């Protein structure tokens, strides 16, 4: 499993734009499913979080190699989905990260920098 991820997260739909979110959600899942079928990404997983009073209520975790994710986030289709989401979701963001063995690799770099 790839250690590189993009987290596509949100707080909630902008009031009055809920219908746009309802239309966009299955479209982005279809888009990501197509990328997975083509091998452009390794996998993706949508997650809805239980109400907790926080700023993150759901996300889609997209996995792939660094190169695959670079290609995805640089594509015209991704930029369009990103722009649409930014219009109808509060607290929206898409951020790169690591998981699995990538966490320990990042910790080793951090420890080297702080002189530990």
PDB file of N, CA and C in Angstrom:
ATOM      1  N   UNK A   1       0.845  -1.180   0.000  1.00  0.00           N
ATOM      2  CA  UNK A   1       0.000   0.000   0.000  1.00  0.00           C
ATOM      3  C   UNK A   1       0.889   1.242   0.000  1.00  0.00           C
ATOM      4  N   UNK A   2       0.495   2.232  -0.751  1.00  0.00           N
ATOM      5  CA  UNK A   2       1.278   3.455  -0.890  1.00  0.00           C
ATOM      6  C   UNK A   2       1.305   4.241   0.412  1.00  0.00           C
ATOM      7  N   UNK A   3       2.435   4.853   0.677  1.00  0.00           N
ATOM      8  CA  UNK A   3       2.581   5.674   1.872  1.00  0.00           C
ATOM      9  C   UNK A   3       2.189   7.126   1.623  1.00  0.00           C
ATOM     10  N   UNK A   4       1.981   7.520   0.376  1.00  0.00           N
ATOM     11  CA  UNK A   4       1.636   8.901   0.024  1.00  0.00           C
ATOM     12  C   UNK A   4       0.131   9.049  -0.127  1.00  0.00           C
ATOM     13  N   UNK A   5      -0.401  10.146   0.418  1.00  0.00           N
ATOM     14  CA  UNK A   5      -1.850  10.375   0.372  1.00  0.00           C
ATOM     15  C   UNK A   5      -2.155  11.834   0.070  1.00  0.00           C
ATOM     16  N   UNK A   6      -3.365  12.052  -0.412  1.00  0.00           N
ATOM     17  CA  UNK A   6      -3.985  13.375  -0.457  1.00  0.00           C
ATOM     18  C   UNK A   6      -5.269  13.246   0.350  1.00  0.00           C
ATOM     19  N   UNK A   7      -5.446  14.128   1.329  1.00  0.00           N
ATOM     20  CA  UNK A   7      -6.661  14.174   2.123  1.00  0.00           C
ATOM     21  C   UNK A   7      -7.500  15.335   1.599  1.00  0.00           C
ATOM     22  N   UNK A   8      -8.689  15.003   1.099  1.00  0.00           N
ATOM     23  CA  UNK A   8      -9.638  15.951   0.522  1.00  0.00           C
ATOM     24  C   UNK A   8     -10.744  16.084   1.573  1.00  0.00           C
ATOM     25  N   UNK A   9     -10.667  17.125   2.428  1.00  0.00           N
ATOM     26  CA  UNK A   9     -11.560  17.190   3.582  1.00  0.00           C
ATOM     27  C   UNK A   9     -12.457  18.411   3.601  1.00  0.00           C
ATOM     28  N   UNK A  10     -13.493  18.335   4.443  1.00  0.00           N
ATOM     29  CA  UNK A  10     -14.464  19.424   4.550  1.00  0.00           C
ATOM     30  C   UNK A  10     -15.131  19.425   5.919  1.00  0.00           C
ATOM     31  N   UNK A  11     -15.695  20.576   6.248  1.00  0.00           N
ATOM     32  CA  UNK A  11     -16.488  20.719   7.470  1.00  0.00           C
ATOM     33  C   UNK A  11     -17.963  20.409   7.164  1.00  0.00           C
ATOM     34  N   UNK A  12     -18.534  21.168   6.232  1.00  0.00           N
ATOM     35  CA  UNK A  12     -19.938  20.968   5.856  1.00  0.00           C
ATOM     36  C   UNK A  12     -20.216  21.742   4.575  1.00  0.00           C
ATOM     37  N   UNK A  13     -21.378  21.518   4.020  1.00  0.00           N
ATOM     38  CA  UNK A  13     -21.798  22.290   2.849  1.00  0.00           C
ATOM     39  C   UNK A  13     -22.075  23.729   3.261  1.00  0.00           C
ATOM     40  N   UNK A  14     -21.752  24.652   2.385  1.00  0.00           N
ATOM     41  CA  UNK A  14     -22.107  26.046   2.603  1.00  0.00           C
ATOM     42  C   UNK A  14     -23.635  26.119   2.615  1.00  0.00           C
ATOM     43  N   UNK A  15     -24.238  26.749   3.634  1.00  0.00           N
ATOM     44  CA  UNK A  15     -25.696  26.864   3.650  1.00  0.00           C
ATOM     45  C   UNK A  15     -26.216  27.471   2.342  1.00  0.00           C
ATOM     46  N   UNK A  16     -27.204  26.823   1.765  1.00  0.00           N
ATOM     47  CA  UNK A  16     -27.780  27.249   0.500  1.00  0.00           C
ATOM     48  C   UNK A  16     -27.142  26.576  -0.704  1.00  0.00           C
ATOM     49  N   UNK A  17     -26.023  25.879  -0.479  1.00  0.00           N
ATOM     50  CA  UNK A  17     -25.336  25.193  -1.580  1.00  0.00           C
ATOM     51  C   UNK A  17     -25.293  23.677  -1.369  1.00  0.00           C
ATOM     52  N   UNK A  18     -26.146  23.208  -0.485  1.00  0.00           N
ATOM     53  CA  UNK A  18     -26.174  21.775  -0.185  1.00  0.00           C
ATOM     54  C   UNK A  18     -26.461  20.924  -1.411  1.00  0.00           C
ATOM     55  N   UNK A  19     -27.329  21.418  -2.298  1.00  0.00           N
ATOM     56  CA  UNK A  19     -27.660  20.628  -3.492  1.00  0.00           C
ATOM     57  C   UNK A  19     -26.450  20.472  -4.401  1.00  0.00           C
ATOM     58  N   UNK A  20     -25.577  21.479  -4.431  1.00  0.00           N
ATOM     59  CA  UNK A  20     -24.352  21.370  -5.220  1.00  0.00           C
ATOM     60  C   UNK A  20     -23.447  20.280  -4.636  1.00  0.00           C
ATOM     61  N   UNK A  21     -23.362  20.223  -3.311  1.00  0.00           N
ATOM     62  CA  UNK A  21     -22.569  19.180  -2.659  1.00  0.00           C
ATOM     63  C   UNK A  21     -23.142  17.795  -2.941  1.00  0.00           C
ATOM     64  N   UNK A  22     -24.476  17.695  -2.911  1.00  0.00           N
ATOM     65  CA  UNK A  22     -25.127  16.405  -3.150  1.00  0.00           C
ATOM     66  C   UNK A  22     -24.871  15.900  -4.565  1.00  0.00           C
ATOM     67  N   UNK A  23     -24.755  16.792  -5.515  1.00  0.00           N
ATOM     68  CA  UNK A  23     -24.455  16.416  -6.903  1.00  0.00           C
ATOM     69  C   UNK A  23     -22.970  16.110  -7.068  1.00  0.00           C
ATOM     70  N   UNK A  24     -22.126  16.907  -6.442  1.00  0.00           N
ATOM     71  CA  UNK A  24     -20.682  16.773  -6.638  1.00  0.00           C
ATOM     72  C   UNK A  24     -20.103  15.518  -5.991  1.00  0.00           C
ATOM     73  N   UNK A  25     -20.620  15.120  -4.839  1.00  0.00           N
ATOM     74  CA  UNK A  25     -20.039  13.989  -4.115  1.00  0.00           C
ATOM     75  C   UNK A  25     -19.976  12.702  -4.953  1.00  0.00           C
ATOM     76  N   UNK A  26     -21.086  12.262  -5.541  1.00  0.00           N
ATOM     77  CA  UNK A  26     -20.975  11.045  -6.364  1.00  0.00           C
ATOM     78  C   UNK A  26     -20.118  11.255  -7.612  1.00  0.00           C
ATOM     79  N   UNK A  27     -20.057  12.478  -8.103  1.00  0.00           N
ATOM     80  CA  UNK A  27     -19.227  12.743  -9.288  1.00  0.00           C
ATOM     81  C   UNK A  27     -17.744  12.603  -8.977  1.00  0.00           C
ATOM     82  N   UNK A  28     -17.322  13.103  -7.816  1.00  0.00           N
ATOM     83  CA  UNK A  28     -15.897  12.979  -7.494  1.00  0.00           C
ATOM     84  C   UNK A  28     -15.546  11.524  -7.176  1.00  0.00           C
ATOM     85  N   UNK A  29     -16.481  10.790  -6.572  1.00  0.00           N
ATOM     86  CA  UNK A  29     -16.228   9.364  -6.331  1.00  0.00           C
ATOM     87  C   UNK A  29     -16.099   8.611  -7.653  1.00  0.00           C
ATOM     88  N   UNK A  30     -16.929   8.946  -8.618  1.00  0.00           N
ATOM     89  CA  UNK A  30     -16.838   8.325  -9.945  1.00  0.00           C
ATOM     90  C   UNK A  30     -15.508   8.679 -10.613  1.00  0.00           C
ATOM     91  N   UNK A  31     -15.111   9.933 -10.501  1.00  0.00           N
ATOM     92  CA  UNK A  31     -13.840  10.394 -11.057  1.00  0.00           C
ATOM     93  C   UNK A  31     -12.678   9.612 -10.436  1.00  0.00           C
ATOM     94  N   UNK A  32     -12.661   9.503  -9.114  1.00  0.00           N
ATOM     95  CA  UNK A  32     -11.586   8.777  -8.442  1.00  0.00           C
ATOM     96  C   UNK A  32     -11.621   7.287  -8.771  1.00  0.00           C
ATOM     97  N   UNK A  33     -12.812   6.731  -8.905  1.00  0.00           N
ATOM     98  CA  UNK A  33     -12.934   5.335  -9.317  1.00  0.00           C
ATOM     99  C   UNK A  33     -12.324   5.107 -10.688  1.00  0.00           C
ATOM    100  N   UNK A  34     -12.530   6.049 -11.594  1.00  0.00           N
ATOM    101  CA  UNK A  34     -11.924   5.958 -12.918  1.00  0.00           C
ATOM    102  C   UNK A  34     -10.414   6.039 -12.856  1.00  0.00           C
ATOM    103  N   UNK A  35      -9.890   6.930 -12.001  1.00  0.00           N
ATOM    104  CA  UNK A  35      -8.442   7.032 -11.836  1.00  0.00           C
ATOM    105  C   UNK A  35      -7.861   5.738 -11.283  1.00  0.00           C
ATOM    106  N   UNK A  36      -8.582   5.142 -10.339  1.00  0.00           N
ATOM    107  CA  UNK A  36      -8.114   3.879  -9.768  1.00  0.00           C
ATOM    108  C   UNK A  36      -8.131   2.774 -10.828  1.00  0.00           C
ATOM    109  N   UNK A  37      -9.189   2.696 -11.603  1.00  0.00           N
ATOM    110  CA  UNK A  37      -9.289   1.665 -12.649  1.00  0.00           C
ATOM    111  C   UNK A  37      -8.181   1.822 -13.693  1.00  0.00           C
ATOM    112  N   UNK A  38      -7.775   3.058 -13.968  1.00  0.00           N
ATOM    113  CA  UNK A  38      -6.706   3.325 -14.935  1.00  0.00           C
ATOM    114  C   UNK A  38      -5.318   3.147 -14.327  1.00  0.00           C
ATOM    115  N   UNK A  39      -5.242   3.000 -13.007  1.00  0.00           N
ATOM    116  CA  UNK A  39      -3.945   2.897 -12.342  1.00  0.00           C
ATOM    117  C   UNK A  39      -3.305   4.235 -12.061  1.00  0.00           C
ATOM    118  N   UNK A  40      -4.055   5.316 -12.241  1.00  0.00           N
ATOM    119  CA  UNK A  40      -3.536   6.662 -11.994  1.00  0.00           C
ATOM    120  C   UNK A  40      -3.354   6.913 -10.498  1.00  0.00           C
ATOM    121  N   UNK A  41      -4.214   6.316  -9.666  1.00  0.00           N
ATOM    122  CA  UNK A  41      -4.054   6.323  -8.208  1.00  0.00           C
ATOM    123  C   UNK A  41      -4.124   4.875  -7.748  1.00  0.00           C
ATOM    124  N   UNK A  42      -3.663   4.616  -6.532  1.00  0.00           N
ATOM    125  CA  UNK A  42      -3.718   3.248  -6.011  1.00  0.00           C
ATOM    126  C   UNK A  42      -5.092   2.924  -5.437  1.00  0.00           C
ATOM    127  N   UNK A  43      -5.658   3.853  -4.659  1.00  0.00           N
ATOM    128  CA  UNK A  43      -6.964   3.623  -4.047  1.00  0.00           C
ATOM    129  C   UNK A  43      -7.492   4.935  -3.475  1.00  0.00           C
ATOM    130  N   UNK A  44      -8.743   4.893  -3.040  1.00  0.00           N
ATOM    131  CA  UNK A  44      -9.333   6.039  -2.341  1.00  0.00           C
ATOM    132  C   UNK A  44     -10.388   5.514  -1.390  1.00  0.00           C
ATOM    133  N   UNK A  45     -10.641   6.292  -0.338  1.00  0.00           N
ATOM    134  CA  UNK A  45     -11.626   5.883   0.651  1.00  0.00           C
ATOM    135  C   UNK A  45     -12.352   7.104   1.200  1.00  0.00           C
ATOM    136  N   UNK A  46     -13.669   7.195   0.963  1.00  0.00           N
ATOM    137  CA  UNK A  46     -14.439   8.280   1.566  1.00  0.00           C
ATOM    138  C   UNK A  46     -14.753   7.943   3.025  1.00  0.00           C
ATOM    139  N   UNK A  47     -14.711   8.966   3.883  1.00  0.00           N
ATOM    140  CA  UNK A  47     -14.969   8.776   5.313  1.00  0.00           C
ATOM    141  C   UNK A  47     -15.874   9.898   5.796  1.00  0.00           C
ATOM    142  N   UNK A  48     -16.959   9.541   6.463  1.00  0.00           N
ATOM    143  CA  UNK A  48     -17.805  10.510   7.153  1.00  0.00           C
ATOM    144  C   UNK A  48     -17.542  10.341   8.649  1.00  0.00           C
ATOM    145  N   UNK A  49     -17.295  11.430   9.349  1.00  0.00           N
ATOM    146  CA  UNK A  49     -17.029  11.387  10.774  1.00  0.00           C
ATOM    147  C   UNK A  49     -18.310  11.690  11.555  1.00  0.00           C
ATOM    148  N   UNK A  50     -18.437  11.088  12.730  1.00  0.00           N
ATOM    149  CA  UNK A  50     -19.584  11.348  13.600  1.00  0.00           C
ATOM    150  C   UNK A  50     -19.496  12.787  14.107  1.00  0.00           C
ATOM    151  N   UNK A  51     -20.648  13.375  14.394  1.00  0.00           N
ATOM    152  CA  UNK A  51     -20.683  14.744  14.920  1.00  0.00           C
ATOM    153  C   UNK A  51     -19.836  14.830  16.181  1.00  0.00           C
ATOM    154  N   UNK A  52     -18.962  15.846  16.214  1.00  0.00           N
ATOM    155  CA  UNK A  52     -18.063  15.977  17.358  1.00  0.00           C
ATOM    156  C   UNK A  52     -17.732  17.432  17.676  1.00  0.00           C
ATOM    157  N   UNK A  53     -18.340  18.360  16.944  1.00  0.00           N
ATOM    158  CA  UNK A  53     -18.110  19.780  17.197  1.00  0.00           C
ATOM    159  C   UNK A  53     -16.818  20.313  16.607  1.00  0.00           C
ATOM    160  N   UNK A  54     -16.154  19.516  15.798  1.00  0.00           N
ATOM    161  CA  UNK A  54     -14.884  19.928  15.216  1.00  0.00           C
ATOM    162  C   UNK A  54     -15.037  20.492  13.818  1.00  0.00           C
ATOM    163  N   UNK A  55     -13.906  20.772  13.213  1.00  0.00           N
ATOM    164  CA  UNK A  55     -13.876  21.389  11.893  1.00  0.00           C
ATOM    165  C   UNK A  55     -13.778  20.403  10.742  1.00  0.00           C
ATOM    166  N   UNK A  56     -13.535  19.133  11.027  1.00  0.00           N
ATOM    167  CA  UNK A  56     -13.428  18.127   9.977  1.00  0.00           C
ATOM    168  C   UNK A  56     -14.537  17.107  10.181  1.00  0.00           C
ATOM    169  N   UNK A  57     -15.465  17.069   9.229  1.00  0.00           N
ATOM    170  CA  UNK A  57     -16.600  16.160   9.355  1.00  0.00           C
ATOM    171  C   UNK A  57     -16.610  15.065   8.301  1.00  0.00           C
ATOM    172  N   UNK A  58     -15.719  15.176   7.329  1.00  0.00           N
ATOM    173  CA  UNK A  58     -15.611  14.130   6.325  1.00  0.00           C
ATOM    174  C   UNK A  58     -14.391  14.372   5.460  1.00  0.00           C
ATOM    175  N   UNK A  59     -13.942  13.303   4.819  1.00  0.00           N
ATOM    176  CA  UNK A  59     -12.805  13.417   3.926  1.00  0.00           C
ATOM    177  C   UNK A  59     -12.763  12.229   2.988  1.00  0.00           C
ATOM    178  N   UNK A  60     -12.000  12.394   1.939  1.00  0.00           N
ATOM    179  CA  UNK A  60     -11.682  11.297   1.041  1.00  0.00           C
ATOM    180  C   UNK A  60     -10.167  11.174   1.079  1.00  0.00           C
ATOM    181  N   UNK A  61      -9.689   9.986   1.414  1.00  0.00           N
ATOM    182  CA  UNK A  61      -8.253   9.722   1.463  1.00  0.00           C
ATOM    183  C   UNK A  61      -7.861   9.038   0.161  1.00  0.00           C
ATOM    184  N   UNK A  62      -7.011   9.702  -0.607  1.00  0.00           N
ATOM    185  CA  UNK A  62      -6.565   9.197  -1.903  1.00  0.00           C
ATOM    186  C   UNK A  62      -5.121   8.726  -1.745  1.00  0.00           C
ATOM    187  N   UNK A  63      -4.847   7.481  -2.144  1.00  0.00           N
ATOM    188  CA  UNK A  63      -3.504   6.907  -1.999  1.00  0.00           C
ATOM    189  C   UNK A  63      -2.859   6.707  -3.361  1.00  0.00           C
ATOM    190  N   UNK A  64      -1.548   6.916  -3.383  1.00  0.00           N
ATOM    191  CA  UNK A  64      -0.791   6.686  -4.600  1.00  0.00           C
ATOM    192  C   UNK A  64       0.670   7.017  -4.381  1.00  0.00           C
ATOM    193  N   UNK A  65       1.482   6.707  -5.354  1.00  0.00           N
ATOM    194  CA  UNK A  65       2.877   7.122  -5.264  1.00  0.00           C
ATOM    195  C   UNK A  65       2.928   8.638  -5.365  1.00  0.00           C
ATOM    196  N   UNK A  66       4.032   9.194  -4.976  1.00  0.00           N
ATOM    197  CA  UNK A  66       4.193  10.650  -5.069  1.00  0.00           C
ATOM    198  C   UNK A  66       3.966  11.114  -6.503  1.00  0.00           C
ATOM    199  N   UNK A  67       4.513  10.367  -7.452  1.00  0.00           N
ATOM    200  CA  UNK A  67       4.382  10.740  -8.863  1.00  0.00           C
ATOM    201  C   UNK A  67       2.927  10.666  -9.330  1.00  0.00           C
ATOM    202  N   UNK A  68       2.231   9.613  -8.931  1.00  0.00           N
ATOM    203  CA  UNK A  68       0.819   9.478  -9.317  1.00  0.00           C
ATOM    204  C   UNK A  68      -0.015  10.624  -8.748  1.00  0.00           C
ATOM    205  N   UNK A  69       0.233  10.956  -7.493  1.00  0.00           N
ATOM    206  CA  UNK A  69      -0.535  12.039  -6.870  1.00  0.00           C
ATOM    207  C   UNK A  69      -0.168  13.386  -7.458  1.00  0.00           C
ATOM    208  N   UNK A  70       1.122  13.577  -7.806  1.00  0.00           N
ATOM    209  CA  UNK A  70       1.520  14.810  -8.495  1.00  0.00           C
ATOM    210  C   UNK A  70       0.739  14.968  -9.793  1.00  0.00           C
ATOM    211  N   UNK A  71       0.639  13.884 -10.556  1.00  0.00           N
ATOM    212  CA  UNK A  71      -0.110  13.934 -11.823  1.00  0.00           C
ATOM    213  C   UNK A  71      -1.578  14.224 -11.586  1.00  0.00           C
ATOM    214  N   UNK A  72      -2.156  13.612 -10.549  1.00  0.00           N
ATOM    215  CA  UNK A  72      -3.578  13.829 -10.270  1.00  0.00           C
ATOM    216  C   UNK A  72      -3.835  15.290  -9.910  1.00  0.00           C
ATOM    217  N   UNK A  73      -3.084  15.828  -8.933  1.00  0.00           N
ATOM    218  CA  UNK A  73      -3.383  17.183  -8.472  1.00  0.00           C
ATOM    219  C   UNK A  73      -3.018  18.244  -9.507  1.00  0.00           C
ATOM    220  N   UNK A  74      -2.206  17.892 -10.491  1.00  0.00           N
ATOM    221  CA  UNK A  74      -1.882  18.822 -11.557  1.00  0.00           C
ATOM    222  C   UNK A  74      -2.806  18.744 -12.753  1.00  0.00           C
ATOM    223  N   UNK A  75      -3.744  17.797 -12.716  1.00  0.00           N
ATOM    224  CA  UNK A  75      -4.631  17.610 -13.867  1.00  0.00           C
ATOM    225  C   UNK A  75      -5.761  18.636 -13.877  1.00  0.00           C
ATOM    226  N   UNK A  76      -6.240  18.917 -15.063  1.00  0.00           N
ATOM    227  CA  UNK A  76      -7.354  19.856 -15.225  1.00  0.00           C
ATOM    228  C   UNK A  76      -8.603  19.365 -14.492  1.00  0.00           C
ATOM    229  N   UNK A  77      -8.861  18.054 -14.524  1.00  0.00           N
ATOM    230  CA  UNK A  77     -10.052  17.497 -13.865  1.00  0.00           C
ATOM    231  C   UNK A  77      -9.976  17.686 -12.350  1.00  0.00           C
ATOM    232  N   UNK A  78      -8.807  17.423 -11.764  1.00  0.00           N
ATOM    233  CA  UNK A  78      -8.658  17.597 -10.314  1.00  0.00           C
ATOM    234  C   UNK A  78      -8.854  19.064  -9.941  1.00  0.00           C
ATOM    235  N   UNK A  79      -8.246  19.948 -10.701  1.00  0.00           N
ATOM    236  CA  UNK A  79      -8.363  21.378 -10.411  1.00  0.00           C
ATOM    237  C   UNK A  79      -9.826  21.811 -10.476  1.00  0.00           C
ATOM    238  N   UNK A  80     -10.570  21.266 -11.432  1.00  0.00           N
ATOM    239  CA  UNK A  80     -11.997  21.593 -11.510  1.00  0.00           C
ATOM    240  C   UNK A  80     -12.745  21.065 -10.281  1.00  0.00           C
ATOM    241  N   UNK A  81     -12.493  19.814  -9.883  1.00  0.00           N
ATOM    242  CA  UNK A  81     -13.153  19.276  -8.685  1.00  0.00           C
ATOM    243  C   UNK A  81     -12.765  20.086  -7.446  1.00  0.00           C
ATOM    244  N   UNK A  82     -11.519  20.446  -7.350  1.00  0.00           N
ATOM    245  CA  UNK A  82     -11.030  21.237  -6.218  1.00  0.00           C
ATOM    246  C   UNK A  82     -11.739  22.590  -6.170  1.00  0.00           C
ATOM    247  N   UNK A  83     -11.840  23.247  -7.314  1.00  0.00           N
ATOM    248  CA  UNK A  83     -12.483  24.558  -7.398  1.00  0.00           C
ATOM    249  C   UNK A  83     -13.966  24.456  -7.061  1.00  0.00           C
ATOM    250  N   UNK A  84     -14.632  23.434  -7.592  1.00  0.00           N
ATOM    251  CA  UNK A  84     -16.057  23.235  -7.278  1.00  0.00           C
ATOM    252  C   UNK A  84     -16.262  23.020  -5.783  1.00  0.00           C
ATOM    253  N   UNK A  85     -15.437  22.159  -5.193  1.00  0.00           N
ATOM    254  CA  UNK A  85     -15.569  21.871  -3.761  1.00  0.00           C
ATOM    255  C   UNK A  85     -15.346  23.126  -2.929  1.00  0.00           C
ATOM    256  N   UNK A  86     -14.390  23.928  -3.312  1.00  0.00           N
ATOM    257  CA  UNK A  86     -14.101  25.160  -2.587  1.00  0.00           C
ATOM    258  C   UNK A  86     -15.294  26.114  -2.621  1.00  0.00           C
ATOM    259  N   UNK A  87     -16.100  26.028  -3.673  1.00  0.00           N
ATOM    260  CA  UNK A  87     -17.280  26.881  -3.822  1.00  0.00           C
ATOM    261  C   UNK A  87     -18.439  26.434  -2.937  1.00  0.00           C
ATOM    262  N   UNK A  88     -18.625  25.120  -2.748  1.00  0.00           N
ATOM    263  CA  UNK A  88     -19.823  24.672  -2.034  1.00  0.00           C
ATOM    264  C   UNK A  88     -19.555  24.021  -0.676  1.00  0.00           C
ATOM    265  N   UNK A  89     -18.282  23.936  -0.258  1.00  0.00           N
ATOM    266  CA  UNK A  89     -17.969  23.336   1.039  1.00  0.00           C
ATOM    267  C   UNK A  89     -17.269  24.332   1.953  1.00  0.00           C
ATOM    268  N   UNK A  90     -17.714  24.380   3.206  1.00  0.00           N
ATOM    269  CA  UNK A  90     -17.015  25.169   4.231  1.00  0.00           C
ATOM    270  C   UNK A  90     -15.857  24.339   4.759  1.00  0.00           C
ATOM    271  N   UNK A  91     -14.778  25.013   5.073  1.00  0.00           N
ATOM    272  CA  UNK A  91     -13.639  24.324   5.662  1.00  0.00           C
ATOM    273  C   UNK A  91     -13.011  23.312   4.731  1.00  0.00           C
ATOM    274  N   UNK A  92     -13.134  23.540   3.433  1.00  0.00           N
ATOM    275  CA  UNK A  92     -12.585  22.603   2.460  1.00  0.00           C
ATOM    276  C   UNK A  92     -11.082  22.769   2.328  1.00  0.00           C
ATOM    277  N   UNK A  93     -10.415  21.647   2.130  1.00  0.00           N
ATOM    278  CA  UNK A  93      -8.989  21.682   1.835  1.00  0.00           C
ATOM    279  C   UNK A  93      -8.537  20.341   1.299  1.00  0.00           C
ATOM    280  N   UNK A  94      -7.491  20.373   0.526  1.00  0.00           N
ATOM    281  CA  UNK A  94      -6.855  19.158   0.030  1.00  0.00           C
ATOM    282  C   UNK A  94      -5.378  19.275   0.377  1.00  0.00           C
ATOM    283  N   UNK A  95      -4.878  18.329   1.132  1.00  0.00           N
ATOM    284  CA  UNK A  95      -3.518  18.424   1.639  1.00  0.00           C
ATOM    285  C   UNK A  95      -2.786  17.100   1.452  1.00  0.00           C
ATOM    286  N   UNK A  96      -1.509  17.197   1.138  1.00  0.00           N
ATOM    287  CA  UNK A  96      -0.663  16.015   0.967  1.00  0.00           C
ATOM    288  C   UNK A  96      -0.237  15.493   2.329  1.00  0.00           C
ATOM    289  N   UNK A  97       0.022  14.196   2.391  1.00  0.00           N
ATOM    290  CA  UNK A  97       0.492  13.597   3.629  1.00  0.00           C
ATOM    291  C   UNK A  97       1.100  12.241   3.376  1.00  0.00           C
ATOM    292  N   UNK A  98       1.503  11.607   4.456  1.00  0.00           N
ATOM    293  CA  UNK A  98       2.057  10.262   4.401  1.00  0.00           C
ATOM    294  C   UNK A  98       1.376   9.407   5.459  1.00  0.00           C
ATOM    295  N   UNK A  99       1.445   8.117   5.249  1.00  0.00           N
ATOM    296  CA  UNK A  99       0.890   7.152   6.179  1.00  0.00           C
ATOM    297  C   UNK A  99       1.825   5.948   6.203  1.00  0.00           C
ATOM    298  N   UNK A 100       1.545   5.007   7.068  1.00  0.00           N
ATOM    299  CA  UNK A 100       2.356   3.793   7.115  1.00  0.00           C
ATOM    300  C   UNK A 100       3.820   4.103   7.363  1.00  0.00           C
ATOM    301  N   UNK A 101       4.694   3.489   6.591  1.00  0.00           N
ATOM    302  CA  UNK A 101       6.140   3.674   6.780  1.00  0.00           C
ATOM    303  C   UNK A 101       6.575   5.118   6.523  1.00  0.00           C
ATOM    304  N   UNK A 102       5.775   5.872   5.781  1.00  0.00           N
ATOM    305  CA  UNK A 102       6.090   7.277   5.533  1.00  0.00           C
ATOM    306  C   UNK A 102       6.089   8.108   6.797  1.00  0.00           C
ATOM    307  N   UNK A 103       5.298   7.707   7.799  1.00  0.00           N
ATOM    308  CA  UNK A 103       5.252   8.432   9.066  1.00  0.00           C
ATOM    309  C   UNK A 103       6.604   8.319   9.769  1.00  0.00           C
ATOM    310  N   UNK A 104       7.144   7.108   9.843  1.00  0.00           N
ATOM    311  CA  UNK A 104       8.429   6.916  10.508  1.00  0.00           C
ATOM    312  C   UNK A 104       9.555   7.602   9.734  1.00  0.00           C
ATOM    313  N   UNK A 105       9.491   7.584   8.408  1.00  0.00           N
ATOM    314  CA  UNK A 105      10.491   8.292   7.606  1.00  0.00           C
ATOM    315  C   UNK A 105      10.440   9.788   7.894  1.00  0.00           C
ATOM    316  N   UNK A 106       9.249  10.348   7.997  1.00  0.00           N
ATOM    317  CA  UNK A 106       9.103  11.766   8.320  1.00  0.00           C
ATOM    318  C   UNK A 106       9.604  12.066   9.731  1.00  0.00           C
ATOM    319  N   UNK A 107       9.344  11.172  10.665  1.00  0.00           N
ATOM    320  CA  UNK A 107       9.833  11.354  12.035  1.00  0.00           C
ATOM    321  C   UNK A 107      11.352  11.346  12.076  1.00  0.00           C
ATOM    322  N   UNK A 108      11.974  10.477  11.291  1.00  0.00           N
ATOM    323  CA  UNK A 108      13.433  10.421  11.248  1.00  0.00           C
ATOM    324  C   UNK A 108      14.010  11.730  10.710  1.00  0.00           C
ATOM    325  N   UNK A 109      13.399  12.295   9.689  1.00  0.00           N
ATOM    326  CA  UNK A 109      13.847  13.585   9.148  1.00  0.00           C
ATOM    327  C   UNK A 109      13.684  14.658  10.221  1.00  0.00           C
ATOM    328  N   UNK A 110      12.543  14.684  10.884  1.00  0.00           N
ATOM    329  CA  UNK A 110      12.273  15.675  11.923  1.00  0.00           C
ATOM    330  C   UNK A 110      13.282  15.566  13.049  1.00  0.00           C
ATOM    331  N   UNK A 111      13.554  14.335  13.498  1.00  0.00           N
ATOM    332  CA  UNK A 111      14.516  14.142  14.581  1.00  0.00           C
ATOM    333  C   UNK A 111      15.918  14.594  14.171  1.00  0.00           C
ATOM    334  N   UNK A 112      16.279  14.378  12.920  1.00  0.00           N
ATOM    335  CA  UNK A 112      17.579  14.825  12.420  1.00  0.00           C
ATOM    336  C   UNK A 112      17.647  16.357  12.457  1.00  0.00           C
ATOM    337  N   UNK A 113      16.565  17.008  12.046  1.00  0.00           N
ATOM    338  CA  UNK A 113      16.532  18.475  12.016  1.00  0.00           C
ATOM    339  C   UNK A 113      16.621  19.061  13.411  1.00  0.00           C
ATOM    340  N   UNK A 114      15.940  18.458  14.369  1.00  0.00           N
ATOM    341  CA  UNK A 114      15.961  19.024  15.729  1.00  0.00           C
ATOM    342  C   UNK A 114      17.179  18.578  16.524  1.00  0.00           C
ATOM    343  N   UNK A 115      18.004  17.699  15.924  1.00  0.00           N
ATOM    344  CA  UNK A 115      19.227  17.275  16.576  1.00  0.00           C
ATOM    345  C   UNK A 115      19.024  16.232  17.651  1.00  0.00           C
ATOM    346  N   UNK A 116      17.972  15.467  17.535  1.00  0.00           N
ATOM    347  CA  UNK A 116      17.674  14.440  18.533  1.00  0.00           C
ATOM    348  C   UNK A 116      18.342  13.133  18.193  1.00  0.00           C
TER     349      UNK A 116
END
